[in-house]
Structure formats: structure tokens, C-alpha cells
């Protein structure tokens, strides 16, 4: 489970880094990564996580994902 969270967190970081390159989201890799990340990131769009031109959606999404995995892991360990 933790490996999946790490992999998805890495994909989210790559998604954020793609914003630095013009037209990166239009490439095949960019469309693939956007298709994987955007459904999860849409959950955080309603929160106003922008300060000026900088959006913190991806950072908050990674933190929430890792916290949820940690809590779920502890719950599963306590059950078993």
C-alpha cells in the first residue's frame, strides 16, 4: 500500500513540474499524467489554495494522501 502511495505522490510531483514547461500537458506523457492526477486534484479545486500565481493544490493533495495512507495503515494494523 505504501509503495502505491509513494508512486502516486511521485506522479503528482511530476504533474506539478510539468507546469514549468510550456505545452508539456499537450504531450503524450503530459496527457497521460494529467489523466491520472486530475480526478484526484479536482477534490482540492474548491479550496482556495492559491497565493498569487502559485497553487498549492498538489502539495496539499500529497499531504492528505500520505496522511490517509498512514491512518488507514494504523487502522488495519489494529484490526489484525
PDB file of N, CA and C in Angstrom:
ATOM      1  N   UNK A   1       0.825  -1.187   0.000  1.00  0.00           N
ATOM      2  CA  UNK A   1       0.000   0.000   0.000  1.00  0.00           C
ATOM      3  C   UNK A   1       0.874   1.257   0.000  1.00  0.00           C
ATOM      4  N   UNK A   2       1.913   1.252   0.834  1.00  0.00           N
ATOM      5  CA  UNK A   2       2.757   2.442   0.906  1.00  0.00           C
ATOM      6  C   UNK A   2       3.519   2.686  -0.391  1.00  0.00           C
ATOM      7  N   UNK A   3       3.882   1.616  -1.089  1.00  0.00           N
ATOM      8  CA  UNK A   3       4.567   1.793  -2.368  1.00  0.00           C
ATOM      9  C   UNK A   3       3.648   2.459  -3.379  1.00  0.00           C
ATOM     10  N   UNK A   4       2.377   2.098  -3.365  1.00  0.00           N
ATOM     11  CA  UNK A   4       1.411   2.735  -4.263  1.00  0.00           C
ATOM     12  C   UNK A   4       1.257   4.213  -3.969  1.00  0.00           C
ATOM     13  N   UNK A   5       1.247   4.552  -2.688  1.00  0.00           N
ATOM     14  CA  UNK A   5       1.143   5.965  -2.287  1.00  0.00           C
ATOM     15  C   UNK A   5       2.392   6.727  -2.715  1.00  0.00           C
ATOM     16  N   UNK A   6       3.546   6.111  -2.557  1.00  0.00           N
ATOM     17  CA  UNK A   6       4.791   6.767  -2.990  1.00  0.00           C
ATOM     18  C   UNK A   6       4.815   6.982  -4.490  1.00  0.00           C
ATOM     19  N   UNK A   7       4.393   5.980  -5.237  1.00  0.00           N
ATOM     20  CA  UNK A   7       4.376   6.098  -6.700  1.00  0.00           C
ATOM     21  C   UNK A   7       3.411   7.194  -7.129  1.00  0.00           C
ATOM     22  N   UNK A   8       2.197   7.197  -6.539  1.00  0.00           N
ATOM     23  CA  UNK A   8       1.213   8.219  -6.907  1.00  0.00           C
ATOM     24  C   UNK A   8       1.690   9.609  -6.482  1.00  0.00           C
ATOM     25  N   UNK A   9       2.348   9.714  -5.340  1.00  0.00           N
ATOM     26  CA  UNK A   9       2.901  11.003  -4.920  1.00  0.00           C
ATOM     27  C   UNK A   9       3.962  11.482  -5.909  1.00  0.00           C
ATOM     28  N   UNK A  10       4.786  10.568  -6.388  1.00  0.00           N
ATOM     29  CA  UNK A  10       5.778  10.921  -7.405  1.00  0.00           C
ATOM     30  C   UNK A  10       5.138  11.386  -8.696  1.00  0.00           C
ATOM     31  N   UNK A  11       4.054  10.736  -9.091  1.00  0.00           N
ATOM     32  CA  UNK A  11       3.336  11.152 -10.304  1.00  0.00           C
ATOM     33  C   UNK A  11       2.739  12.542 -10.103  1.00  0.00           C
ATOM     34  N   UNK A  12       2.226  12.816  -8.907  1.00  0.00           N
ATOM     35  CA  UNK A  12       1.705  14.161  -8.621  1.00  0.00           C
ATOM     36  C   UNK A  12       2.810  15.214  -8.688  1.00  0.00           C
ATOM     37  N   UNK A  13       3.997  14.874  -8.232  1.00  0.00           N
ATOM     38  CA  UNK A  13       5.124  15.814  -8.311  1.00  0.00           C
ATOM     39  C   UNK A  13       5.505  16.057  -9.767  1.00  0.00           C
ATOM     40  N   UNK A  14       5.527  15.000 -10.561  1.00  0.00           N
ATOM     41  CA  UNK A  14       5.819  15.167 -11.992  1.00  0.00           C
ATOM     42  C   UNK A  14       4.759  16.041 -12.643  1.00  0.00           C
ATOM     43  N   UNK A  15       3.493  15.847 -12.268  1.00  0.00           N
ATOM     44  CA  UNK A  15       2.403  16.674 -12.794  1.00  0.00           C
ATOM     45  C   UNK A  15       2.649  18.146 -12.467  1.00  0.00           C
ATOM     46  N   UNK A  16       3.071  18.425 -11.238  1.00  0.00           N
ATOM     47  CA  UNK A  16       3.341  19.812 -10.850  1.00  0.00           C
ATOM     48  C   UNK A  16       4.530  20.371 -11.627  1.00  0.00           C
ATOM     49  N   UNK A  17       5.558  19.564 -11.834  1.00  0.00           N
ATOM     50  CA  UNK A  17       6.734  20.036 -12.564  1.00  0.00           C
ATOM     51  C   UNK A  17       6.431  20.302 -14.040  1.00  0.00           C
ATOM     52  N   UNK A  18       5.466  19.593 -14.595  1.00  0.00           N
ATOM     53  CA  UNK A  18       5.102  19.815 -15.991  1.00  0.00           C
ATOM     54  C   UNK A  18       4.573  21.236 -16.230  1.00  0.00           C
ATOM     55  N   UNK A  19       4.058  21.866 -15.170  1.00  0.00           N
ATOM     56  CA  UNK A  19       3.536  23.224 -15.338  1.00  0.00           C
ATOM     57  C   UNK A  19       4.643  24.228 -15.629  1.00  0.00           C
ATOM     58  N   UNK A  20       5.885  23.869 -15.380  1.00  0.00           N
ATOM     59  CA  UNK A  20       7.003  24.767 -15.645  1.00  0.00           C
ATOM     60  C   UNK A  20       7.374  24.811 -17.117  1.00  0.00           C
ATOM     61  N   UNK A  21       6.925  23.845 -17.889  1.00  0.00           N
ATOM     62  CA  UNK A  21       7.307  23.749 -19.302  1.00  0.00           C
ATOM     63  C   UNK A  21       6.103  24.023 -20.191  1.00  0.00           C
ATOM     64  N   UNK A  22       6.191  25.023 -21.051  1.00  0.00           N
ATOM     65  CA  UNK A  22       5.054  25.348 -21.925  1.00  0.00           C
ATOM     66  C   UNK A  22       4.717  24.176 -22.848  1.00  0.00           C
ATOM     67  N   UNK A  23       3.446  23.843 -22.900  1.00  0.00           N
ATOM     68  CA  UNK A  23       2.989  22.787 -23.788  1.00  0.00           C
ATOM     69  C   UNK A  23       3.247  21.378 -23.293  1.00  0.00           C
ATOM     70  N   UNK A  24       3.751  21.235 -22.070  1.00  0.00           N
ATOM     71  CA  UNK A  24       4.078  19.900 -21.563  1.00  0.00           C
ATOM     72  C   UNK A  24       2.823  19.059 -21.350  1.00  0.00           C
ATOM     73  N   UNK A  25       1.717  19.706 -20.980  1.00  0.00           N
ATOM     74  CA  UNK A  25       0.476  18.958 -20.766  1.00  0.00           C
ATOM     75  C   UNK A  25      -0.129  18.475 -22.087  1.00  0.00           C
ATOM     76  N   UNK A  26       0.315  19.040 -23.199  1.00  0.00           N
ATOM     77  CA  UNK A  26      -0.200  18.639 -24.503  1.00  0.00           C
ATOM     78  C   UNK A  26       0.547  17.449 -25.096  1.00  0.00           C
ATOM     79  N   UNK A  27       1.654  17.055 -24.495  1.00  0.00           N
ATOM     80  CA  UNK A  27       2.407  15.905 -24.979  1.00  0.00           C
ATOM     81  C   UNK A  27       1.698  14.617 -24.546  1.00  0.00           C
ATOM     82  N   UNK A  28       2.123  13.512 -25.106  1.00  0.00           N
ATOM     83  CA  UNK A  28       1.531  12.226 -24.754  1.00  0.00           C
ATOM     84  C   UNK A  28       1.733  11.923 -23.273  1.00  0.00           C
ATOM     85  N   UNK A  29       2.942  12.131 -22.777  1.00  0.00           N
ATOM     86  CA  UNK A  29       3.227  11.904 -21.364  1.00  0.00           C
ATOM     87  C   UNK A  29       2.413  12.851 -20.485  1.00  0.00           C
ATOM     88  N   UNK A  30       2.307  14.098 -20.890  1.00  0.00           N
ATOM     89  CA  UNK A  30       1.548  15.089 -20.135  1.00  0.00           C
ATOM     90  C   UNK A  30       0.077  14.741 -20.050  1.00  0.00           C
ATOM     91  N   UNK A  31      -0.503  14.282 -21.158  1.00  0.00           N
ATOM     92  CA  UNK A  31      -1.917  13.882 -21.155  1.00  0.00           C
ATOM     93  C   UNK A  31      -2.132  12.653 -20.283  1.00  0.00           C
ATOM     94  N   UNK A  32      -1.193  11.713 -20.330  1.00  0.00           N
ATOM     95  CA  UNK A  32      -1.298  10.510 -19.511  1.00  0.00           C
ATOM     96  C   UNK A  32      -1.248  10.860 -18.022  1.00  0.00           C
ATOM     97  N   UNK A  33      -0.284  11.664 -17.648  1.00  0.00           N
ATOM     98  CA  UNK A  33      -0.145  12.054 -16.241  1.00  0.00           C
ATOM     99  C   UNK A  33      -1.337  12.910 -15.793  1.00  0.00           C
ATOM    100  N   UNK A  34      -1.797  13.807 -16.651  1.00  0.00           N
ATOM    101  CA  UNK A  34      -2.961  14.622 -16.303  1.00  0.00           C
ATOM    102  C   UNK A  34      -4.200  13.752 -16.124  1.00  0.00           C
ATOM    103  N   UNK A  35      -4.361  12.750 -16.949  1.00  0.00           N
ATOM    104  CA  UNK A  35      -5.498  11.848 -16.814  1.00  0.00           C
ATOM    105  C   UNK A  35      -5.468  11.065 -15.515  1.00  0.00           C
ATOM    106  N   UNK A  36      -4.284  10.796 -15.016  1.00  0.00           N
ATOM    107  CA  UNK A  36      -4.131  10.064 -13.754  1.00  0.00           C
ATOM    108  C   UNK A  36      -4.325  10.997 -12.552  1.00  0.00           C
ATOM    109  N   UNK A  37      -3.819  12.223 -12.640  1.00  0.00           N
ATOM    110  CA  UNK A  37      -3.780  13.122 -11.482  1.00  0.00           C
ATOM    111  C   UNK A  37      -5.007  14.017 -11.336  1.00  0.00           C
ATOM    112  N   UNK A  38      -5.557  14.486 -12.422  1.00  0.00           N
ATOM    113  CA  UNK A  38      -6.605  15.499 -12.333  1.00  0.00           C
ATOM    114  C   UNK A  38      -7.876  15.050 -11.619  1.00  0.00           C
ATOM    115  N   UNK A  39      -8.321  13.792 -11.740  1.00  0.00           N
ATOM    116  CA  UNK A  39      -9.513  13.420 -10.949  1.00  0.00           C
ATOM    117  C   UNK A  39      -9.306  13.588  -9.442  1.00  0.00           C
ATOM    118  N   UNK A  40      -8.144  13.228  -8.940  1.00  0.00           N
ATOM    119  CA  UNK A  40      -7.857  13.402  -7.513  1.00  0.00           C
ATOM    120  C   UNK A  40      -7.670  14.878  -7.171  1.00  0.00           C
ATOM    121  N   UNK A  41      -6.992  15.621  -8.026  1.00  0.00           N
ATOM    122  CA  UNK A  41      -6.729  17.031  -7.733  1.00  0.00           C
ATOM    123  C   UNK A  41      -7.990  17.878  -7.795  1.00  0.00           C
ATOM    124  N   UNK A  42      -9.011  17.434  -8.527  1.00  0.00           N
ATOM    125  CA  UNK A  42     -10.271  18.186  -8.584  1.00  0.00           C
ATOM    126  C   UNK A  42     -10.942  18.273  -7.221  1.00  0.00           C
ATOM    127  N   UNK A  43     -10.644  17.320  -6.336  1.00  0.00           N
ATOM    128  CA  UNK A  43     -11.195  17.364  -4.980  1.00  0.00           C
ATOM    129  C   UNK A  43     -10.718  18.605  -4.224  1.00  0.00           C
ATOM    130  N   UNK A  44      -9.573  19.120  -4.588  1.00  0.00           N
ATOM    131  CA  UNK A  44      -8.969  20.249  -3.884  1.00  0.00           C
ATOM    132  C   UNK A  44      -9.182  21.577  -4.607  1.00  0.00           C
ATOM    133  N   UNK A  45      -9.857  21.554  -5.758  1.00  0.00           N
ATOM    134  CA  UNK A  45     -10.070  22.783  -6.523  1.00  0.00           C
ATOM    135  C   UNK A  45     -11.011  23.749  -5.809  1.00  0.00           C
ATOM    136  N   UNK A  46     -11.946  23.222  -5.032  1.00  0.00           N
ATOM    137  CA  UNK A  46     -12.896  24.091  -4.341  1.00  0.00           C
ATOM    138  C   UNK A  46     -12.230  24.906  -3.230  1.00  0.00           C
ATOM    139  N   UNK A  47     -11.155  24.376  -2.691  1.00  0.00           N
ATOM    140  CA  UNK A  47     -10.406  25.114  -1.674  1.00  0.00           C
ATOM    141  C   UNK A  47      -9.587  26.189  -2.384  1.00  0.00           C
ATOM    142  N   UNK A  48      -9.516  27.334  -1.822  1.00  0.00           N
ATOM    143  CA  UNK A  48      -8.744  28.413  -2.434  1.00  0.00           C
ATOM    144  C   UNK A  48      -7.295  28.286  -1.977  1.00  0.00           C
ATOM    145  N   UNK A  49      -6.539  27.455  -2.688  1.00  0.00           N
ATOM    146  CA  UNK A  49      -5.163  27.166  -2.289  1.00  0.00           C
ATOM    147  C   UNK A  49      -4.143  27.880  -3.165  1.00  0.00           C
ATOM    148  N   UNK A  50      -4.508  29.044  -3.664  1.00  0.00           N
ATOM    149  CA  UNK A  50      -3.604  29.828  -4.493  1.00  0.00           C
ATOM    150  C   UNK A  50      -3.165  31.074  -3.735  1.00  0.00           C
ATOM    151  N   UNK A  51      -1.906  31.360  -3.845  1.00  0.00           N
ATOM    152  CA  UNK A  51      -1.374  32.626  -3.340  1.00  0.00           C
ATOM    153  C   UNK A  51      -0.680  33.264  -4.532  1.00  0.00           C
ATOM    154  N   UNK A  52      -1.315  34.283  -5.077  1.00  0.00           N
ATOM    155  CA  UNK A  52      -0.793  34.903  -6.290  1.00  0.00           C
ATOM    156  C   UNK A  52      -0.861  33.920  -7.446  1.00  0.00           C
ATOM    157  N   UNK A  53       0.260  33.685  -8.087  1.00  0.00           N
ATOM    158  CA  UNK A  53       0.320  32.771  -9.229  1.00  0.00           C
ATOM    159  C   UNK A  53       0.676  31.346  -8.813  1.00  0.00           C
ATOM    160  N   UNK A  54       0.898  31.126  -7.539  1.00  0.00           N
ATOM    161  CA  UNK A  54       1.348  29.821  -7.068  1.00  0.00           C
ATOM    162  C   UNK A  54       0.180  29.063  -6.449  1.00  0.00           C
ATOM    163  N   UNK A  55      -0.059  27.847  -6.959  1.00  0.00           N
ATOM    164  CA  UNK A  55      -1.103  26.992  -6.410  1.00  0.00           C
ATOM    165  C   UNK A  55      -0.491  25.900  -5.547  1.00  0.00           C
ATOM    166  N   UNK A  56      -1.130  25.649  -4.452  1.00  0.00           N
ATOM    167  CA  UNK A  56      -0.637  24.643  -3.514  1.00  0.00           C
ATOM    168  C   UNK A  56      -1.501  23.385  -3.511  1.00  0.00           C
ATOM    169  N   UNK A  57      -2.334  23.215  -4.535  1.00  0.00           N
ATOM    170  CA  UNK A  57      -3.215  22.054  -4.609  1.00  0.00           C
ATOM    171  C   UNK A  57      -2.437  20.745  -4.561  1.00  0.00           C
ATOM    172  N   UNK A  58      -1.386  20.646  -5.331  1.00  0.00           N
ATOM    173  CA  UNK A  58      -0.633  19.395  -5.413  1.00  0.00           C
ATOM    174  C   UNK A  58       0.037  19.086  -4.073  1.00  0.00           C
ATOM    175  N   UNK A  59       0.594  20.084  -3.435  1.00  0.00           N
ATOM    176  CA  UNK A  59       1.262  19.858  -2.158  1.00  0.00           C
ATOM    177  C   UNK A  59       0.260  19.389  -1.097  1.00  0.00           C
ATOM    178  N   UNK A  60      -0.885  20.034  -1.023  1.00  0.00           N
ATOM    179  CA  UNK A  60      -1.911  19.638  -0.061  1.00  0.00           C
ATOM    180  C   UNK A  60      -2.443  18.251  -0.405  1.00  0.00           C
ATOM    181  N   UNK A  61      -2.606  17.962  -1.693  1.00  0.00           N
ATOM    182  CA  UNK A  61      -3.089  16.649  -2.121  1.00  0.00           C
ATOM    183  C   UNK A  61      -2.120  15.546  -1.707  1.00  0.00           C
ATOM    184  N   UNK A  62      -0.833  15.791  -1.824  1.00  0.00           N
ATOM    185  CA  UNK A  62       0.165  14.799  -1.414  1.00  0.00           C
ATOM    186  C   UNK A  62       0.139  14.604   0.099  1.00  0.00           C
ATOM    187  N   UNK A  63       0.027  15.682   0.842  1.00  0.00           N
ATOM    188  CA  UNK A  63      -0.028  15.584   2.301  1.00  0.00           C
ATOM    189  C   UNK A  63      -1.256  14.791   2.736  1.00  0.00           C
ATOM    190  N   UNK A  64      -2.419  15.103   2.152  1.00  0.00           N
ATOM    191  CA  UNK A  64      -3.654  14.393   2.507  1.00  0.00           C
ATOM    192  C   UNK A  64      -3.546  12.923   2.133  1.00  0.00           C
ATOM    193  N   UNK A  65      -2.991  12.627   0.970  1.00  0.00           N
ATOM    194  CA  UNK A  65      -2.836  11.239   0.532  1.00  0.00           C
ATOM    195  C   UNK A  65      -1.953  10.457   1.497  1.00  0.00           C
ATOM    196  N   UNK A  66      -0.840  11.028   1.895  1.00  0.00           N
ATOM    197  CA  UNK A  66       0.070  10.344   2.808  1.00  0.00           C
ATOM    198  C   UNK A  66      -0.525  10.196   4.211  1.00  0.00           C
ATOM    199  N   UNK A  67      -1.236  11.214   4.685  1.00  0.00           N
ATOM    200  CA  UNK A  67      -1.890  11.102   5.993  1.00  0.00           C
ATOM    201  C   UNK A  67      -2.978  10.036   5.975  1.00  0.00           C
ATOM    202  N   UNK A  68      -3.763   9.994   4.906  1.00  0.00           N
ATOM    203  CA  UNK A  68      -4.819   8.990   4.794  1.00  0.00           C
ATOM    204  C   UNK A  68      -4.228   7.587   4.747  1.00  0.00           C
ATOM    205  N   UNK A  69      -3.143   7.412   4.025  1.00  0.00           N
ATOM    206  CA  UNK A  69      -2.493   6.096   3.959  1.00  0.00           C
ATOM    207  C   UNK A  69      -1.954   5.693   5.322  1.00  0.00           C
ATOM    208  N   UNK A  70      -1.397   6.644   6.049  1.00  0.00           N
ATOM    209  CA  UNK A  70      -0.861   6.357   7.377  1.00  0.00           C
ATOM    210  C   UNK A  70      -1.977   5.958   8.336  1.00  0.00           C
ATOM    211  N   UNK A  71      -3.066   6.710   8.333  1.00  0.00           N
ATOM    212  CA  UNK A  71      -4.197   6.406   9.212  1.00  0.00           C
ATOM    213  C   UNK A  71      -4.807   5.059   8.841  1.00  0.00           C
ATOM    214  N   UNK A  72      -4.997   4.822   7.561  1.00  0.00           N
ATOM    215  CA  UNK A  72      -5.555   3.547   7.117  1.00  0.00           C
ATOM    216  C   UNK A  72      -4.644   2.386   7.497  1.00  0.00           C
ATOM    217  N   UNK A  73      -3.347   2.567   7.362  1.00  0.00           N
ATOM    218  CA  UNK A  73      -2.395   1.538   7.753  1.00  0.00           C
ATOM    219  C   UNK A  73      -2.474   1.223   9.237  1.00  0.00           C
ATOM    220  N   UNK A  74      -2.593   2.259  10.070  1.00  0.00           N
ATOM    221  CA  UNK A  74      -2.700   2.040  11.514  1.00  0.00           C
ATOM    222  C   UNK A  74      -4.006   1.355  11.881  1.00  0.00           C
ATOM    223  N   UNK A  75      -5.083   1.716  11.192  1.00  0.00           N
ATOM    224  CA  UNK A  75      -6.369   1.062  11.443  1.00  0.00           C
ATOM    225  C   UNK A  75      -6.299  -0.405  11.072  1.00  0.00           C
ATOM    226  N   UNK A  76      -5.714  -0.699   9.919  1.00  0.00           N
ATOM    227  CA  UNK A  76      -5.604  -2.081   9.501  1.00  0.00           C
ATOM    228  C   UNK A  76      -4.708  -2.900  10.435  1.00  0.00           C
ATOM    229  N   UNK A  77      -3.637  -2.289  10.931  1.00  0.00           N
ATOM    230  CA  UNK A  77      -2.765  -2.983  11.882  1.00  0.00           C
ATOM    231  C   UNK A  77      -3.473  -3.254  13.202  1.00  0.00           C
ATOM    232  N   UNK A  78      -4.298  -2.331  13.643  1.00  0.00           N
ATOM    233  CA  UNK A  78      -5.002  -2.535  14.906  1.00  0.00           C
ATOM    234  C   UNK A  78      -6.095  -3.607  14.777  1.00  0.00           C
ATOM    235  N   UNK A  79      -6.644  -3.756  13.582  1.00  0.00           N
ATOM    236  CA  UNK A  79      -7.669  -4.771  13.361  1.00  0.00           C
ATOM    237  C   UNK A  79      -7.030  -6.161  13.342  1.00  0.00           C
ATOM    238  N   UNK A  80      -5.859  -6.264  12.751  1.00  0.00           N
ATOM    239  CA  UNK A  80      -5.200  -7.571  12.632  1.00  0.00           C
ATOM    240  C   UNK A  80      -4.401  -7.811  13.832  1.00  0.00           C
TER     241      UNK A  80
END
